[in-house]
C-alpha atoms as a PDB file:
ATOM      1  CA  MET A   1     486.265 146.395 185.103  1.00  0.00           C
ATOM      2  CA  THR A   2     484.442 143.464 186.096  1.00  0.00           C
ATOM      3  CA  PRO A   3     481.254 142.341 184.041  1.00  0.00           C
ATOM      4  CA  THR A   4     478.176 142.538 185.332  1.00  0.00           C
ATOM      5  CA  PHE A   5     474.689 141.724 184.009  1.00  0.00           C
ATOM      6  CA  ASP A   6     473.428 144.682 186.404  1.00  0.00           C
ATOM      7  CA  GLY A   7     469.943 142.877 187.080  1.00  0.00           C
ATOM      8  CA  ARG A   8     469.377 142.082 183.895  1.00  0.00           C
ATOM      9  CA  THR A   9     467.034 138.805 182.890  1.00  0.00           C
ATOM     10  CA  ILE A  10     469.130 136.107 181.050  1.00  0.00           C
ATOM     11  CA  VAL A  11     467.154 133.446 179.354  1.00  0.00           C
ATOM     12  CA  LEU A  12     469.306 129.785 179.624  1.00  0.00           C
ATOM     13  CA  LEU A  13     468.183 127.102 177.280  1.00  0.00           C
ATOM     14  CA  GLU A  14     471.206 124.814 178.617  1.00  0.00           C
ATOM     15  CA  ALA A  15     469.272 121.293 180.101  1.00  0.00           C
ATOM     16  CA  ARG A  16     472.542 119.063 181.405  1.00  0.00           C
ATOM     17  CA  MET A  17     474.009 122.145 183.294  1.00  0.00           C
ATOM     18  CA  ALA A  18     471.359 124.184 183.934  1.00  0.00           C
ATOM     19  CA  ALA A  19     472.503 124.967 187.474  1.00  0.00           C
ATOM     20  CA  GLU A  20     476.112 125.650 186.953  1.00  0.00           C
ATOM     21  CA  ALA A  21     474.944 128.136 184.411  1.00  0.00           C
ATOM     22  CA  ALA A  22     472.429 129.839 186.680  1.00  0.00           C
ATOM     23  CA  ALA A  23     475.122 129.945 189.180  1.00  0.00           C
ATOM     24  CA  LEU A  24     477.470 131.956 186.884  1.00  0.00           C
ATOM     25  CA  VAL A  25     474.541 134.083 185.945  1.00  0.00           C
ATOM     26  CA  ARG A  26     473.707 135.211 189.395  1.00  0.00           C
ATOM     27  CA  ARG A  27     477.602 135.813 190.208  1.00  0.00           C
ATOM     28  CA  LEU A  28     477.575 138.248 187.384  1.00  0.00           C
ATOM     29  CA  GLY A  29     474.622 140.159 188.831  1.00  0.00           C
ATOM     30  CA  GLY A  30     472.041 139.170 186.489  1.00  0.00           C
ATOM     31  CA  VAL A  31     468.749 137.046 187.057  1.00  0.00           C
ATOM     32  CA  PRO A  32     468.702 133.735 185.318  1.00  0.00           C
ATOM     33  CA  TYR A  33     465.839 132.484 183.425  1.00  0.00           C
ATOM     34  CA  ALA A  34     466.070 128.627 182.572  1.00  0.00           C
ATOM     35  CA  VAL A  35     464.136 127.024 180.482  1.00  0.00           C
ATOM     36  CA  PRO A  36     465.451 123.967 178.831  1.00  0.00           C
ATOM     37  CA  ALA A  37     465.010 123.742 175.024  1.00  0.00           C
ATOM     38  CA  VAL A  38     466.242 120.098 175.028  1.00  0.00           C
ATOM     39  CA  ARG A  39     466.782 116.654 176.569  1.00  0.00           C
ATOM     40  CA  GLU A  40     469.219 113.800 175.885  1.00  0.00           C
ATOM     41  CA  GLU A  41     467.440 110.226 175.916  1.00  0.00           C
ATOM     42  CA  ILE A  42     469.342 107.220 176.252  1.00  0.00           C
ATOM     43  CA  LEU A  43     468.568 104.629 173.420  1.00  0.00           C
ATOM     44  CA  PRO A  44     468.521 101.024 174.599  1.00  0.00           C
ATOM     45  CA  GLY A  45     470.200  98.342 173.050  1.00  0.00           C
ATOM     46  CA  GLU A  46     472.453 100.560 170.858  1.00  0.00           C
ATOM     47  CA  ALA A  47     475.540  99.966 173.122  1.00  0.00           C
ATOM     48  CA  ALA A  48     475.780  95.805 173.434  1.00  0.00           C
ATOM     49  CA  PRO A  49     477.161  95.290 169.718  1.00  0.00           C
ATOM     50  CA  PHE A  50     479.460  98.162 169.644  1.00  0.00           C
ATOM     51  CA  ILE A  51     481.008  97.084 172.902  1.00  0.00           C
ATOM     52  CA  ASP A  52     481.175  93.616 171.185  1.00  0.00           C
ATOM     53  CA  ALA A  53     483.050  94.789 168.280  1.00  0.00           C
ATOM     54  CA  LEU A  54     485.151  97.036 170.345  1.00  0.00           C
ATOM     55  CA  VAL A  55     486.152  94.061 172.988  1.00  0.00           C
ATOM     56  CA  SER A  56     486.882  91.968 169.737  1.00  0.00           C
ATOM     57  CA  GLY A  57     488.886  94.612 168.310  1.00  0.00           C
ATOM     58  CA  THR A  58     487.237  95.143 165.326  1.00  0.00           C
ATOM     59  CA  PHE A  59     488.267  98.952 165.756  1.00  0.00           C
ATOM     60  CA  SER A  60     491.661 100.886 165.513  1.00  0.00           C
ATOM     61  CA  ILE A  61     490.347 104.283 165.938  1.00  0.00           C
ATOM     62  CA  VAL A  62     487.299 105.403 168.006  1.00  0.00           C
ATOM     63  CA  VAL A  63     486.192 109.160 168.020  1.00  0.00           C
ATOM     64  CA  PHE A  64     483.859 110.709 170.451  1.00  0.00           C
ATOM     65  CA  LEU A  65     481.930 113.815 169.656  1.00  0.00           C
ATOM     66  CA  THR A  66     481.207 114.634 173.235  1.00  0.00           C
ATOM     67  CA  GLY A  67     481.485 113.829 176.823  1.00  0.00           C
ATOM     68  CA  ALA A  68     478.091 112.986 177.126  1.00  0.00           C
ATOM     69  CA  GLY A  69     478.904 110.267 174.600  1.00  0.00           C
ATOM     70  CA  VAL A  70     481.694 108.855 176.342  1.00  0.00           C
ATOM     71  CA  THR A  71     479.689 109.302 179.586  1.00  0.00           C
ATOM     72  CA  ALA A  72     476.381 107.392 178.009  1.00  0.00           C
ATOM     73  CA  LEU A  73     479.249 104.449 176.575  1.00  0.00           C
ATOM     74  CA  ILE A  74     480.738 104.147 179.959  1.00  0.00           C
ATOM     75  CA  ARG A  75     477.316 103.932 182.051  1.00  0.00           C
ATOM     76  CA  GLU A  76     475.649 101.504 179.461  1.00  0.00           C
ATOM     77  CA  ALA A  77     478.757  99.429 179.318  1.00  0.00           C
ATOM     78  CA  ALA A  78     478.690  99.252 183.463  1.00  0.00           C
ATOM     79  CA  ARG A  79     475.045  98.293 183.203  1.00  0.00           C
ATOM     80  CA  LEU A  80     476.021  95.571 180.708  1.00  0.00           C
ATOM     81  CA  GLY A  81     478.611  94.037 183.557  1.00  0.00           C
ATOM     82  CA  ARG A  82     481.199  95.086 180.876  1.00  0.00           C
ATOM     83  CA  LEU A  83     482.780  98.185 181.729  1.00  0.00           C
ATOM     84  CA  GLU A  84     486.388  96.844 182.546  1.00  0.00           C
ATOM     85  CA  ALA A  85     486.734  95.201 179.249  1.00  0.00           C
ATOM     86  CA  THR A  86     485.167  98.255 177.576  1.00  0.00           C
ATOM     87  CA  LEU A  87     487.757 100.298 179.286  1.00  0.00           C
ATOM     88  CA  ALA A  88     490.402  97.991 178.444  1.00  0.00           C
ATOM     89  CA  ALA A  89     489.709  97.687 174.774  1.00  0.00           C
ATOM     90  CA  LEU A  90     489.657 101.424 174.444  1.00  0.00           C
ATOM     91  CA  ARG A  91     493.269 101.762 176.364  1.00  0.00           C
ATOM     92  CA  LEU A  92     494.228  99.493 172.921  1.00  0.00           C
ATOM     93  CA  THR A  93     492.779 101.882 170.314  1.00  0.00           C
ATOM     94  CA  GLN A  94     493.607 104.933 168.596  1.00  0.00           C
ATOM     95  CA  ILE A  95     491.020 107.716 170.745  1.00  0.00           C
ATOM     96  CA  VAL A  96     490.283 110.769 168.877  1.00  0.00           C
ATOM     97  CA  CYS A  97     488.200 113.545 169.903  1.00  0.00           C
ATOM     98  CA  ARG A  98     486.951 116.552 168.960  1.00  0.00           C
ATOM     99  CA  GLY A  99     487.500 118.796 172.529  1.00  0.00           C
ATOM    100  CA  PRO A 100     488.319 118.581 175.922  1.00  0.00           C
ATOM    101  CA  LYS A 101     484.846 117.439 177.374  1.00  0.00           C
ATOM    102  CA  PRO A 102     485.479 113.486 176.201  1.00  0.00           C
ATOM    103  CA  VAL A 103     488.838 114.042 176.869  1.00  0.00           C
ATOM    104  CA  ALA A 104     488.197 114.900 180.630  1.00  0.00           C
ATOM    105  CA  VAL A 105     485.908 111.642 181.001  1.00  0.00           C
ATOM    106  CA  LEU A 106     488.262 109.327 179.496  1.00  0.00           C
ATOM    107  CA  ARG A 107     491.107 110.427 181.705  1.00  0.00           C
ATOM    108  CA  GLN A 108     489.110 109.650 184.226  1.00  0.00           C
ATOM    109  CA  HIS A 109     489.251 106.254 183.409  1.00  0.00           C
ATOM    110  CA  GLN A 110     492.781 106.232 182.681  1.00  0.00           C
ATOM    111  CA  VAL A 111     492.085 105.996 178.468  1.00  0.00           C
ATOM    112  CA  PRO A 112     494.787 107.845 176.950  1.00  0.00           C
ATOM    113  CA  VAL A 113     493.722 110.180 173.595  1.00  0.00           C
ATOM    114  CA  LEU A 114     495.654 110.518 170.554  1.00  0.00           C
ATOM    115  CA  VAL A 115     494.461 113.067 168.948  1.00  0.00           C
ATOM    116  CA  THR A 116     492.352 116.198 169.961  1.00  0.00           C
ATOM    117  CA  ALA A 117     490.887 118.730 167.711  1.00  0.00           C
ATOM    118  CA  ALA A 118     491.832 122.466 168.295  1.00  0.00           C
ATOM    119  CA  GLU A 119     489.059 125.183 169.269  1.00  0.00           C
ATOM    120  CA  PRO A 120     486.699 125.925 168.629  1.00  0.00           C
ATOM    121  CA  TYR A 121     485.960 122.115 168.207  1.00  0.00           C
ATOM    122  CA  THR A 122     484.038 121.686 165.068  1.00  0.00           C
ATOM    123  CA  SER A 123     483.979 119.293 162.498  1.00  0.00           C
ATOM    124  CA  LYS A 124     486.316 121.301 160.645  1.00  0.00           C
ATOM    125  CA  GLU A 125     488.938 121.107 163.348  1.00  0.00           C
ATOM    126  CA  LEU A 126     488.379 117.158 163.966  1.00  0.00           C
ATOM    127  CA  LEU A 127     489.101 116.853 160.498  1.00  0.00           C
ATOM    128  CA  GLN A 128     492.400 118.661 160.431  1.00  0.00           C
ATOM    129  CA  ALA A 129     493.418 116.888 163.201  1.00  0.00           C
ATOM    130  CA  LEU A 130     492.994 113.728 161.595  1.00  0.00           C
ATOM    131  CA  ASP A 131     495.283 114.578 158.722  1.00  0.00           C
ATOM    132  CA  ALA A 132     498.198 113.086 160.966  1.00  0.00           C
ATOM    133  CA  ILE A 133     496.344 109.620 161.117  1.00  0.00           C
ATOM    134  CA  ASP A 134     495.725 107.481 157.672  1.00  0.00           C
ATOM    135  CA  LEU A 135     492.351 106.618 157.533  1.00  0.00           C
ATOM    136  CA  ASN A 136     492.559 104.299 154.345  1.00  0.00           C
ATOM    137  CA  GLY A 137     491.580 100.750 155.527  1.00  0.00           C
ATOM    138  CA  ALA A 138     491.398 101.794 159.068  1.00  0.00           C
ATOM    139  CA  ALA A 139     487.851 100.470 160.898  1.00  0.00           C
ATOM    140  CA  VAL A 140     486.889 103.720 162.465  1.00  0.00           C
ATOM    141  CA  ALA A 141     484.244 103.759 165.249  1.00  0.00           C
ATOM    142  CA  LEU A 142     482.052 107.265 165.064  1.00  0.00           C
ATOM    143  CA  VAL A 143     480.537 108.200 168.416  1.00  0.00           C
ATOM    144  CA  HIS A 144     477.873 110.699 167.439  1.00  0.00           C
ATOM    145  CA  TYR A 145     476.228 113.370 169.738  1.00  0.00           C
ATOM    146  CA  GLY A 146     472.746 113.540 169.958  1.00  0.00           C
ATOM    147  CA  GLU A 147     472.253 113.064 165.995  1.00  0.00           C
ATOM    148  CA  VAL A 148     474.221 111.702 163.524  1.00  0.00           C
ATOM    149  CA  ASN A 149     476.552 114.098 161.734  1.00  0.00           C
ATOM    150  CA  ALA A 150     476.482 112.849 158.316  1.00  0.00           C
ATOM    151  CA  PRO A 151     478.927 115.460 156.615  1.00  0.00           C
ATOM    152  CA  LEU A 152     481.362 113.990 158.905  1.00  0.00           C
ATOM    153  CA  GLY A 153     480.688 110.581 158.415  1.00  0.00           C
ATOM    154  CA  ALA A 154     480.863 110.999 154.714  1.00  0.00           C
ATOM    155  CA  ALA A 155     484.320 113.030 155.038  1.00  0.00           C
ATOM    156  CA  LEU A 156     485.589 109.900 157.394  1.00  0.00           C
ATOM    157  CA  SER A 157     484.573 107.601 154.859  1.00  0.00           C
ATOM    158  CA  GLU A 158     485.772 109.627 151.548  1.00  0.00           C
ATOM    159  CA  ARG A 159     489.495 109.583 153.181  1.00  0.00           C
ATOM    160  CA  GLY A 160     488.793 105.530 153.005  1.00  0.00           C
ATOM    161  CA  ALA A 161     487.467 104.931 156.598  1.00  0.00           C
ATOM    162  CA  LEU A 162     485.636 101.966 157.149  1.00  0.00           C
ATOM    163  CA  LEU A 163     483.163 103.328 159.179  1.00  0.00           C
ATOM    164  CA  ASP A 164     480.862 102.415 161.866  1.00  0.00           C
ATOM    165  CA  GLU A 165     478.476 104.751 163.669  1.00  0.00           C
ATOM    166  CA  LEU A 166     477.056 104.785 167.114  1.00  0.00           C
ATOM    167  CA  LEU A 167     474.727 107.037 168.405  1.00  0.00           C
ATOM    168  CA  LEU A 168     473.942 106.133 172.015  1.00  0.00           C
ATOM    169  CA  TYR A 169     471.488 109.007 172.869  1.00  0.00           C
ATOM    170  CA  GLU A 170     469.019 111.391 171.070  1.00  0.00           C
ATOM    171  CA  TRP A 171     468.189 115.142 171.305  1.00  0.00           C
ATOM    172  CA  ARG A 172     464.606 115.584 171.890  1.00  0.00           C
ATOM    173  CA  MET A 173     461.838 118.222 172.861  1.00  0.00           C
ATOM    174  CA  PRO A 174     461.382 118.827 176.353  1.00  0.00           C
ATOM    175  CA  ASP A 175     458.400 116.492 177.760  1.00  0.00           C
ATOM    176  CA  ASP A 176     456.705 119.706 178.363  1.00  0.00           C
ATOM    177  CA  VAL A 177     457.071 122.460 176.081  1.00  0.00           C
ATOM    178  CA  GLU A 178     454.436 125.201 177.678  1.00  0.00           C
ATOM    179  CA  PRO A 179     457.879 127.143 179.348  1.00  0.00           C
ATOM    180  CA  LEU A 180     459.037 127.240 175.653  1.00  0.00           C
ATOM    181  CA  LYS A 181     455.946 128.289 174.403  1.00  0.00           C
ATOM    182  CA  VAL A 182     455.716 130.867 177.300  1.00  0.00           C
ATOM    183  CA  LEU A 183     459.167 132.024 176.317  1.00  0.00           C
ATOM    184  CA  VAL A 184     458.929 132.545 172.648  1.00  0.00           C
ATOM    185  CA  ARG A 185     455.742 135.030 173.660  1.00  0.00           C
ATOM    186  CA  GLU A 186     457.743 136.768 175.792  1.00  0.00           C
ATOM    187  CA  LEU A 187     460.444 137.364 173.405  1.00  0.00           C
ATOM    188  CA  VAL A 188     457.833 138.463 170.495  1.00  0.00           C
ATOM    189  CA  ASP A 189     456.716 140.804 173.163  1.00  0.00           C
ATOM    190  CA  GLY A 190     459.956 142.006 173.925  1.00  0.00           C
ATOM    191  CA  ARG A 191     460.443 141.578 177.600  1.00  0.00           C
ATOM    192  CA  ILE A 192     463.804 139.463 177.414  1.00  0.00           C
ATOM    193  CA  ASP A 193     466.993 141.439 178.039  1.00  0.00           C
ATOM    194  CA  ALA A 194     468.993 138.479 176.810  1.00  0.00           C
ATOM    195  CA  VAL A 195     469.159 134.787 175.599  1.00  0.00           C
ATOM    196  CA  ALA A 196     472.370 132.246 175.649  1.00  0.00           C
ATOM    197  CA  PHE A 197     472.788 129.341 173.123  1.00  0.00           C
ATOM    198  CA  THR A 198     475.282 126.707 173.957  1.00  0.00           C
ATOM    199  CA  THR A 199     474.084 123.887 171.594  1.00  0.00           C
ATOM    200  CA  GLN A 200     472.541 124.767 168.011  1.00  0.00           C
ATOM    201  CA  ILE A 201     469.690 122.164 168.654  1.00  0.00           C
ATOM    202  CA  GLN A 202     468.158 124.553 171.339  1.00  0.00           C
ATOM    203  CA  CYS A 203     467.717 127.282 168.762  1.00  0.00           C
ATOM    204  CA  ARG A 204     466.264 124.865 166.504  1.00  0.00           C
ATOM    205  CA  HIS A 205     463.933 123.514 169.193  1.00  0.00           C
ATOM    206  CA  LEU A 206     463.051 127.143 170.053  1.00  0.00           C
ATOM    207  CA  PHE A 207     462.263 128.056 166.391  1.00  0.00           C
ATOM    208  CA  ARG A 208     459.765 124.532 166.449  1.00  0.00           C
ATOM    209  CA  VAL A 209     457.694 125.687 169.157  1.00  0.00           C
ATOM    210  CA  ALA A 210     457.648 129.117 167.250  1.00  0.00           C
ATOM    211  CA  ALA A 211     456.457 127.822 164.193  1.00  0.00           C
ATOM    212  CA  ASP A 212     453.914 125.591 165.812  1.00  0.00           C
ATOM    213  CA  LEU A 213     452.674 128.961 167.454  1.00  0.00           C
ATOM    214  CA  GLY A 214     452.935 130.538 163.981  1.00  0.00           C
ATOM    215  CA  LEU A 215     455.040 133.032 165.328  1.00  0.00           C
ATOM    216  CA  CYS A 216     458.720 131.848 163.570  1.00  0.00           C
ATOM    217  CA  SER A 217     459.334 134.853 161.352  1.00  0.00           C
ATOM    218  CA  GLN A 218     458.168 137.529 164.295  1.00  0.00           C
ATOM    219  CA  LEU A 219     460.448 135.576 166.756  1.00  0.00           C
ATOM    220  CA  ALA A 220     463.679 136.304 164.798  1.00  0.00           C
ATOM    221  CA  ASP A 221     462.614 139.972 164.403  1.00  0.00           C
ATOM    222  CA  ALA A 222     461.838 140.594 167.737  1.00  0.00           C
ATOM    223  CA  ILE A 223     465.046 138.476 169.355  1.00  0.00           C
ATOM    224  CA  ASN A 224     467.131 140.693 166.777  1.00  0.00           C
ATOM    225  CA  ALA A 225     465.647 143.976 167.754  1.00  0.00           C
ATOM    226  CA  HIS A 226     464.641 143.593 171.588  1.00  0.00           C
ATOM    227  CA  ALA A 227     467.045 140.950 172.777  1.00  0.00           C
ATOM    228  CA  VAL A 228     470.950 140.534 172.806  1.00  0.00           C
ATOM    229  CA  VAL A 229     472.041 136.797 171.772  1.00  0.00           C
ATOM    230  CA  ALA A 230     474.985 134.769 173.060  1.00  0.00           C
ATOM    231  CA  ALA A 231     476.071 131.783 170.509  1.00  0.00           C
ATOM    232  CA  VAL A 232     478.645 129.522 172.212  1.00  0.00           C
ATOM    233  CA  GLY A 233     480.620 128.903 169.268  1.00  0.00           C
ATOM    234  CA  PRO A 234     480.665 129.248 165.572  1.00  0.00           C
ATOM    235  CA  ILE A 235     478.336 126.250 164.631  1.00  0.00           C
ATOM    236  CA  CYS A 236     475.386 127.644 167.008  1.00  0.00           C
ATOM    237  CA  ALA A 237     476.116 131.224 165.735  1.00  0.00           C
ATOM    238  CA  ASP A 238     475.728 129.979 162.242  1.00  0.00           C
ATOM    239  CA  VAL A 239     472.423 127.981 162.834  1.00  0.00           C
ATOM    240  CA  LEU A 240     470.912 130.935 164.479  1.00  0.00           C
ATOM    241  CA  ARG A 241     471.910 132.899 161.541  1.00  0.00           C
ATOM    242  CA  VAL A 242     469.830 130.403 159.280  1.00  0.00           C
ATOM    243  CA  PHE A 243     466.762 131.372 161.219  1.00  0.00           C
ATOM    244  CA  GLY A 244     467.392 135.025 160.944  1.00  0.00           C
ATOM    245  CA  VAL A 245     468.981 135.528 164.108  1.00  0.00           C
ATOM    246  CA  ILE A 246     472.052 138.034 164.131  1.00  0.00           C
ATOM    247  CA  PRO A 247     474.200 136.769 167.270  1.00  0.00           C
ATOM    248  CA  ASP A 248     475.761 139.445 169.146  1.00  0.00           C
ATOM    249  CA  VAL A 249     477.824 137.545 171.129  1.00  0.00           C
ATOM    250  CA  VAL A 250     480.423 134.887 170.458  1.00  0.00           C
ATOM    251  CA  PRO A 251     483.299 134.189 172.815  1.00  0.00           C
ATOM    252  CA  VAL A 252     486.685 133.375 171.585  1.00  0.00           C
ATOM    253  CA  ARG A 253     486.682 130.476 173.617  1.00  0.00           C
ATOM    254  CA  PRO A 254     483.689 127.982 172.769  1.00  0.00           C
ATOM    255  CA  LYS A 255     482.920 127.527 175.910  1.00  0.00           C
ATOM    256  CA  MET A 256     479.715 128.476 178.670  1.00  0.00           C
ATOM    257  CA  GLY A 257     481.748 130.419 181.071  1.00  0.00           C
ATOM    258  CA  PRO A 258     483.526 132.409 178.373  1.00  0.00           C
ATOM    259  CA  MET A 259     480.179 132.807 176.617  1.00  0.00           C
ATOM    260  CA  LEU A 260     478.645 134.233 179.719  1.00  0.00           C
ATOM    261  CA  ASN A 261     481.315 136.445 180.529  1.00  0.00           C
ATOM    262  CA  ALA A 262     481.351 137.821 177.266  1.00  0.00           C
ATOM    263  CA  LEU A 263     477.925 138.856 177.445  1.00  0.00           C
ATOM    264  CA  ALA A 264     478.317 140.480 180.576  1.00  0.00           C
ATOM    265  CA  SER A 265     481.088 142.756 179.201  1.00  0.00           C
ATOM    266  CA  TYR A 266     479.006 143.217 175.874  1.00  0.00           C
ATOM    267  CA  PHE A 267     476.443 144.900 178.240  1.00  0.00           C
ATOM    268  CA  GLN A 268     479.212 147.443 179.907  1.00  0.00           C
ATOM    269  CA  THR A 269     480.116 148.373 176.216  1.00  0.00           C
ATOM    270  CA  VAL A 270     476.700 149.393 174.170  1.00  0.00           C
ATOM    271  CA  ASP A 271     473.834 150.165 175.335  1.00  0.00           C
ATOM    272  CA  GLY A 272     471.083 147.157 176.522  1.00  0.00           C
ATOM    273  CA  PRO A 273     468.074 146.573 174.593  1.00  0.00           C
END
């Protein structure tokens, strides 16, 4: 049986791939309700010192957590007129990636990847993948996602890595939070069929807005009672549980497409909200 949303409204909090997510919801017979819950802001001036160190051969290992981090580095290198030098230096460095997205961006630029973490691409799998590399005394650069992953940095240091950390962009609230306020009220009123979370920061931002409205506990109760919740992977699901929300759908493969397909299948196997 082909999965279908059968006309249900599916909230999408995705920002970077909002159009792709909406298109997939439509193909699955749903009505996308896009409310971006995060924006990515480039931090100017952060890349230049890192590129200097990279090109000079300081690092033996560079760890990328996201494709967005790789893209931000490449864009900044190009803006500084140092793209070719940066790519050449990366090709001479042992590259470690948390998942397929940074791998895909690096391959576009002919940068080989030595180690890639297994699904579901969390810090646990990344550290397991790094078991094959002796980090003791190694100069390691960790390129974060939109915030510093302090536990991962601490784990690398505990293994003896001489760690240099780079944050090229930050996850911030949308410039206009009014759509999120409207969504919170609609969720509390039980007027939403499903919510799809593709990153844990979306959950945190949604509940920050709810807290500002004095509706934090009501939001969790209403979501559990009236909406079907999909979380893209285990990290996202764990953060939802911290806020009191029990995810109904967590796909085997931690990607947006499998998540939305699993969500559509869920509606066909159980009664909707």
